[in-house]
Amino acid sequence: MVTPGYCAAMADNPRNWTFLSNHAHVLVCLAADPNSRLRDIAAKVGITERRVNGILADLEQAGIVTVFTGSVGVKSEILFCILG
């Protein structure tokens, strides 16, 4: 189970180091909130939206996640991911 505040704690102190790769950080954020936007994940992990998009493409190609994009109301680029 993922601790809900894990991603927020990462964003609070960007000088923290970890053994996890950016791919792992993105997965942790998705596990905590599968409906995260690229912008939200990028801010929490401390990388660009473009890099998050690349990581998601890597994870989808490896069969780890399935990514669906769409829009709801005013929010666009909402990310729906299914782990597994």
C-alpha atoms as a PDB file:
ATOM      1  CA  MET A   1       0.000   0.000   0.000  1.00  0.00           C
ATOM      2  CA  VAL A   2       1.255   3.458  -0.872  1.00  0.00           C
ATOM      3  CA  THR A   3       1.367   6.131   1.796  1.00  0.00           C
ATOM      4  CA  PRO A   4      -0.947   8.936   0.585  1.00  0.00           C
ATOM      5  CA  GLY A   5       1.480  11.719   1.494  1.00  0.00           C
ATOM      6  CA  TYR A   6       4.517  10.078  -0.113  1.00  0.00           C
ATOM      7  CA  CYS A   7       4.486  12.094  -3.348  1.00  0.00           C
ATOM      8  CA  ALA A   8       3.720  15.325  -1.518  1.00  0.00           C
ATOM      9  CA  ALA A   9       6.638  14.700   0.842  1.00  0.00           C
ATOM     10  CA  MET A  10       8.941  14.301  -2.178  1.00  0.00           C
ATOM     11  CA  ALA A  11       7.824  17.658  -3.571  1.00  0.00           C
ATOM     12  CA  ASP A  12       8.295  19.437  -0.231  1.00  0.00           C
ATOM     13  CA  ASN A  13      12.019  18.771  -0.092  1.00  0.00           C
ATOM     14  CA  PRO A  14      13.591  18.401  -3.541  1.00  0.00           C
ATOM     15  CA  ARG A  15      17.064  17.852  -2.058  1.00  0.00           C
ATOM     16  CA  ASN A  16      16.083  14.465  -0.645  1.00  0.00           C
ATOM     17  CA  TRP A  17      17.759  11.601  -2.442  1.00  0.00           C
ATOM     18  CA  THR A  18      16.378   8.151  -2.914  1.00  0.00           C
ATOM     19  CA  PHE A  19      17.257   4.771  -4.349  1.00  0.00           C
ATOM     20  CA  LEU A  20      14.156   4.870  -6.539  1.00  0.00           C
ATOM     21  CA  SER A  21      14.371   5.819 -10.206  1.00  0.00           C
ATOM     22  CA  ASN A  22      12.102   8.425 -11.766  1.00  0.00           C
ATOM     23  CA  HIS A  23      10.155   5.531 -13.294  1.00  0.00           C
ATOM     24  CA  ALA A  24       9.518   4.162  -9.794  1.00  0.00           C
ATOM     25  CA  HIS A  25       8.524   7.603  -8.474  1.00  0.00           C
ATOM     26  CA  VAL A  26       5.995   7.988 -11.300  1.00  0.00           C
ATOM     27  CA  LEU A  27       4.566   4.544 -10.501  1.00  0.00           C
ATOM     28  CA  VAL A  28       4.262   5.438  -6.809  1.00  0.00           C
ATOM     29  CA  CYS A  29       2.408   8.641  -7.690  1.00  0.00           C
ATOM     30  CA  LEU A  30       0.079   6.727 -10.019  1.00  0.00           C
ATOM     31  CA  ALA A  31      -0.598   4.123  -7.349  1.00  0.00           C
ATOM     32  CA  ALA A  32      -1.520   6.908  -4.933  1.00  0.00           C
ATOM     33  CA  ASP A  33      -3.740   8.691  -7.498  1.00  0.00           C
ATOM     34  CA  PRO A  34      -4.383   6.931 -10.826  1.00  0.00           C
ATOM     35  CA  ASN A  35      -6.205  10.031 -12.136  1.00  0.00           C
ATOM     36  CA  SER A  36      -3.181  12.319 -11.834  1.00  0.00           C
ATOM     37  CA  ARG A  37      -2.386  14.810 -14.576  1.00  0.00           C
ATOM     38  CA  LEU A  38       1.074  14.900 -16.165  1.00  0.00           C
ATOM     39  CA  ARG A  39       1.582  18.324 -14.602  1.00  0.00           C
ATOM     40  CA  ASP A  40       0.781  17.031 -11.117  1.00  0.00           C
ATOM     41  CA  ILE A  41       3.100  14.025 -11.408  1.00  0.00           C
ATOM     42  CA  ALA A  42       5.905  16.173 -12.808  1.00  0.00           C
ATOM     43  CA  ALA A  43       5.629  18.624  -9.921  1.00  0.00           C
ATOM     44  CA  LYS A  44       5.607  15.862  -7.316  1.00  0.00           C
ATOM     45  CA  VAL A  45       8.534  13.947  -8.797  1.00  0.00           C
ATOM     46  CA  GLY A  46      10.522  17.059  -9.725  1.00  0.00           C
ATOM     47  CA  ILE A  47      10.839  16.376 -13.455  1.00  0.00           C
ATOM     48  CA  THR A  48       9.299  17.905 -16.585  1.00  0.00           C
ATOM     49  CA  GLU A  49       5.911  16.984 -18.018  1.00  0.00           C
ATOM     50  CA  ARG A  50       7.706  15.846 -21.158  1.00  0.00           C
ATOM     51  CA  ARG A  51       9.824  13.431 -19.102  1.00  0.00           C
ATOM     52  CA  VAL A  52       6.732  12.065 -17.322  1.00  0.00           C
ATOM     53  CA  ASN A  53       5.156  11.487 -20.739  1.00  0.00           C
ATOM     54  CA  GLY A  54       8.268   9.569 -21.844  1.00  0.00           C
ATOM     55  CA  ILE A  55       8.303   7.492 -18.674  1.00  0.00           C
ATOM     56  CA  LEU A  56       4.623   6.630 -19.130  1.00  0.00           C
ATOM     57  CA  ALA A  57       5.345   5.571 -22.710  1.00  0.00           C
ATOM     58  CA  ASP A  58       8.163   3.322 -21.421  1.00  0.00           C
ATOM     59  CA  LEU A  59       5.898   1.809 -18.761  1.00  0.00           C
ATOM     60  CA  GLU A  60       3.076   1.272 -21.235  1.00  0.00           C
ATOM     61  CA  GLN A  61       5.407  -0.359 -23.758  1.00  0.00           C
ATOM     62  CA  ALA A  62       6.624  -2.690 -20.994  1.00  0.00           C
ATOM     63  CA  GLY A  63       3.018  -3.629 -20.187  1.00  0.00           C
ATOM     64  CA  ILE A  64       3.132  -2.178 -16.676  1.00  0.00           C
ATOM     65  CA  VAL A  65       0.431   0.460 -17.167  1.00  0.00           C
ATOM     66  CA  THR A  66      -2.279   1.244 -19.667  1.00  0.00           C
ATOM     67  CA  VAL A  67      -2.711   4.956 -20.270  1.00  0.00           C
ATOM     68  CA  PHE A  68      -5.909   6.661 -21.392  1.00  0.00           C
ATOM     69  CA  THR A  69      -6.158  10.424 -21.846  1.00  0.00           C
ATOM     70  CA  GLY A  70      -9.217  12.586 -22.078  1.00  0.00           C
ATOM     71  CA  SER A  71     -10.873  15.634 -20.654  1.00  0.00           C
ATOM     72  CA  VAL A  72     -13.506  16.271 -18.032  1.00  0.00           C
ATOM     73  CA  GLY A  73     -15.062  19.710 -17.858  1.00  0.00           C
ATOM     74  CA  VAL A  74     -12.397  22.392 -17.800  1.00  0.00           C
ATOM     75  CA  LYS A  75      -9.544  19.996 -16.969  1.00  0.00           C
ATOM     76  CA  SER A  76      -7.778  18.575 -19.962  1.00  0.00           C
ATOM     77  CA  GLU A  77      -4.989  16.027 -20.163  1.00  0.00           C
ATOM     78  CA  ILE A  78      -6.394  13.987 -17.311  1.00  0.00           C
ATOM     79  CA  LEU A  79      -4.480  10.788 -17.079  1.00  0.00           C
ATOM     80  CA  PHE A  80      -6.239   7.517 -16.390  1.00  0.00           C
ATOM     81  CA  CYS A  81      -3.820   4.685 -15.731  1.00  0.00           C
ATOM     82  CA  ILE A  82      -4.475   1.081 -14.964  1.00  0.00           C
ATOM     83  CA  LEU A  83      -1.632  -0.645 -13.187  1.00  0.00           C
ATOM     84  CA  GLY A  84      -1.048  -4.213 -14.135  1.00  0.00           C
END
